[in-house]
Protein backbone atom coordinates (compact mmCIF):
# COMPACT_ATOMS: atom_id res chain seq x y z
CA MET A 1 -50.19 25.40 -3.87
CA LYS A 2 -47.69 26.08 -1.36
CA THR A 3 -45.89 22.14 -2.00
CA ALA A 4 -45.76 22.88 -5.61
CA SER A 5 -44.11 26.64 -4.97
CA TYR A 6 -41.69 25.16 -2.51
CA LEU A 7 -41.04 22.02 -5.00
CA ALA A 8 -40.12 24.55 -8.13
CA MET A 9 -37.92 26.88 -5.41
CA ALA A 10 -36.08 23.50 -5.11
CA ALA A 11 -35.91 22.23 -8.54
CA LEU A 12 -34.93 26.07 -9.59
CA ALA A 13 -31.86 25.82 -6.70
CA SER A 14 -30.93 22.39 -7.82
CA ALA A 15 -30.53 23.09 -11.91
CA MET A 16 -28.62 25.82 -10.85
CA PHE A 17 -26.78 24.81 -7.85
CA VAL A 18 -25.83 21.68 -10.14
CA SER A 19 -25.38 24.45 -13.19
CA THR A 20 -22.98 26.40 -10.74
CA GLN A 21 -20.20 23.63 -10.59
CA THR A 22 -19.35 22.69 -14.18
CA SER A 23 -18.96 25.23 -16.95
CA ALA A 24 -21.53 24.77 -19.59
CA GLN A 25 -18.80 23.76 -22.50
CA GLU A 26 -18.18 21.21 -20.36
CA THR A 27 -21.32 19.02 -19.19
CA LYS A 28 -24.06 21.13 -22.04
CA ASN A 29 -26.34 19.45 -19.09
CA MET A 30 -29.48 21.66 -19.21
CA THR A 31 -32.93 21.42 -17.44
CA VAL A 32 -36.07 22.50 -19.73
CA PHE A 33 -38.67 23.79 -17.17
CA LYS A 34 -42.12 23.30 -19.51
CA THR A 35 -45.97 22.76 -19.53
CA PRO A 36 -46.61 19.48 -20.25
CA TRP A 37 -49.19 20.09 -22.86
CA CYS A 38 -47.08 22.21 -25.05
CA GLY A 39 -46.08 20.82 -28.13
CA CYS A 40 -43.49 23.88 -29.51
CA CYS A 41 -41.74 23.16 -26.10
CA LYS A 42 -40.73 19.53 -26.88
CA VAL A 43 -39.77 20.28 -30.42
CA TRP A 44 -37.24 22.56 -28.84
CA SER A 45 -36.01 20.25 -26.03
CA ASP A 46 -35.57 17.78 -28.36
CA ALA A 47 -34.08 20.11 -30.52
CA MET A 48 -31.36 20.92 -27.92
CA GLN A 49 -30.99 16.67 -27.11
CA LYS A 50 -30.22 16.20 -31.34
CA ALA A 51 -27.80 19.34 -31.32
CA GLY A 52 -25.32 17.42 -28.25
CA PHE A 53 -27.19 19.18 -25.15
CA THR A 54 -28.05 16.84 -22.28
CA VAL A 55 -31.24 17.57 -21.68
CA THR A 56 -34.10 17.31 -18.11
CA GLU A 57 -37.41 18.10 -18.75
CA LYS A 58 -39.69 19.50 -15.67
CA ASN A 59 -43.13 18.88 -16.44
CA MET A 60 -45.07 21.88 -14.79
CA SER A 61 -48.35 23.61 -15.03
CA ASP A 62 -47.23 27.16 -13.75
CA LEU A 63 -43.66 28.38 -14.52
CA SER A 64 -44.38 32.33 -12.98
CA LEU A 65 -42.32 30.79 -9.69
CA ILE A 66 -39.56 29.50 -11.77
CA ARG A 67 -39.46 32.42 -13.99
CA LYS A 68 -39.20 35.01 -10.91
CA GLN A 69 -36.74 33.00 -9.77
CA ALA A 70 -34.38 32.98 -12.76
CA SER A 71 -35.12 36.93 -13.34
CA VAL A 72 -37.72 36.84 -16.37
CA THR A 73 -40.14 39.21 -16.64
CA ASP A 74 -43.25 39.56 -18.41
CA GLU A 75 -41.55 41.37 -20.49
CA ILE A 76 -39.49 38.75 -21.92
CA ALA A 77 -41.22 36.01 -20.96
CA GLY A 78 -41.99 32.72 -23.54
CA CYS A 79 -43.05 29.62 -23.51
CA HIS A 80 -40.30 27.54 -20.97
CA THR A 81 -37.43 28.51 -19.28
CA ALA A 82 -34.08 26.09 -19.42
CA ILE A 83 -30.93 26.91 -16.99
CA LEU A 84 -28.18 25.65 -18.76
CA GLY A 85 -24.70 26.39 -16.65
CA ASP A 86 -24.74 29.55 -15.13
CA TYR A 87 -27.51 30.71 -17.93
CA VAL A 88 -31.19 30.99 -18.42
CA LEU A 89 -32.55 30.75 -21.45
CA GLU A 90 -36.14 31.87 -22.01
CA GLY A 91 -38.23 30.72 -24.72
CA HIS A 92 -37.70 29.59 -28.14
CA VAL A 93 -33.76 30.58 -28.28
CA PRO A 94 -32.53 29.26 -31.36
CA LEU A 95 -29.07 26.88 -31.36
CA GLN A 96 -26.68 30.16 -32.90
CA ALA A 97 -27.63 32.23 -30.10
CA ILE A 98 -26.86 29.46 -28.28
CA ASP A 99 -23.57 29.00 -29.57
CA LYS A 100 -22.48 32.65 -29.57
CA LEU A 101 -23.68 33.04 -25.43
CA LEU A 102 -21.26 30.04 -24.99
CA ALA A 103 -17.97 31.04 -26.88
CA GLU A 104 -18.28 34.50 -25.38
CA LYS A 105 -19.37 33.99 -21.89
CA PRO A 106 -20.84 37.53 -21.52
CA ASP A 107 -21.82 38.55 -17.75
CA ILE A 108 -25.86 38.27 -18.15
CA ARG A 109 -28.09 36.17 -16.52
CA GLY A 110 -29.38 34.48 -19.87
CA LEU A 111 -30.79 35.06 -23.41
CA ALA A 112 -34.78 35.63 -24.71
CA VAL A 113 -37.08 35.13 -27.15
CA PRO A 114 -40.38 36.66 -26.15
CA GLY A 115 -43.91 35.43 -27.32
CA MET A 116 -43.52 32.63 -29.60
CA PRO A 117 -42.37 33.96 -33.23
CA SER A 118 -43.30 32.03 -35.70
CA GLY A 119 -40.60 30.82 -37.56
CA SER A 120 -38.48 29.72 -34.59
CA LEU A 121 -36.92 27.01 -33.26
CA GLY A 122 -39.76 24.73 -32.00
CA MET A 123 -42.53 26.90 -34.37
CA VAL A 124 -42.23 25.35 -37.60
CA TYR A 125 -38.75 26.02 -37.64
CA ASP A 126 -37.55 28.35 -40.78
CA GLU A 127 -33.86 29.65 -40.68
CA ASN A 128 -34.93 32.61 -42.46
CA ALA A 129 -37.66 33.67 -39.82
CA GLN A 130 -36.42 36.74 -38.71
CA TYR A 131 -36.97 37.44 -34.51
CA ASN A 132 -34.56 39.22 -31.99
CA VAL A 133 -33.25 36.96 -28.78
CA TYR A 134 -32.22 39.61 -25.89
CA SER A 135 -30.19 39.15 -22.92
CA PHE A 136 -30.95 40.30 -20.18
CA GLU A 137 -29.49 40.66 -16.53
CA ARG A 138 -30.32 39.56 -13.12
CA ASP A 139 -31.34 42.99 -11.90
CA THR A 140 -34.55 43.25 -14.05
CA SER A 141 -34.63 47.33 -14.20
CA ILE A 142 -32.21 46.73 -16.73
CA LYS A 143 -33.99 46.38 -20.12
CA PRO A 144 -33.16 43.89 -21.96
CA GLU A 145 -30.78 44.30 -25.31
CA ILE A 146 -30.69 42.47 -28.53
CA PHE A 147 -28.13 39.81 -28.48
CA TYR A 148 -28.71 37.97 -31.26
CA GLN A 149 -31.02 38.87 -34.56
CA ALA A 150 -32.41 35.89 -36.31
CA GLY A 151 -32.61 35.69 -39.94
CA LYS A 152 -30.50 38.22 -40.19
CA ILE A 153 -27.71 38.25 -43.27
């Protein structure tokens, strides 16, 4: 168990170190930490590749350490954690929210879609599905805020 924990920390640290070396817009490199048996995570990851991101998948049986290192609390946890540049993407974050994140470059830790909302990207995608995408900070005592509302016109 300790070896797996150390490997998880090393993988996250490596992904975060590499991501800070160049901007996300320049490279569009993304590392997705997911469980090997989760089909919706694979669908989301494949959608990121189709959108032009270079995706590296890291299959892990337990994402709790990755989430802790990434400042993802239980309140905002989804089913996978991705690193894109200096940002963390937790759960089924839609491409529109990622585009907004990269365009605005806010000073936040990342974006999260808690749980697994029906209709979200990876969950039988429906462009009209309504759910919130939250921004969150490194300081986990700061309450997440709505960053993007999917399905809103």
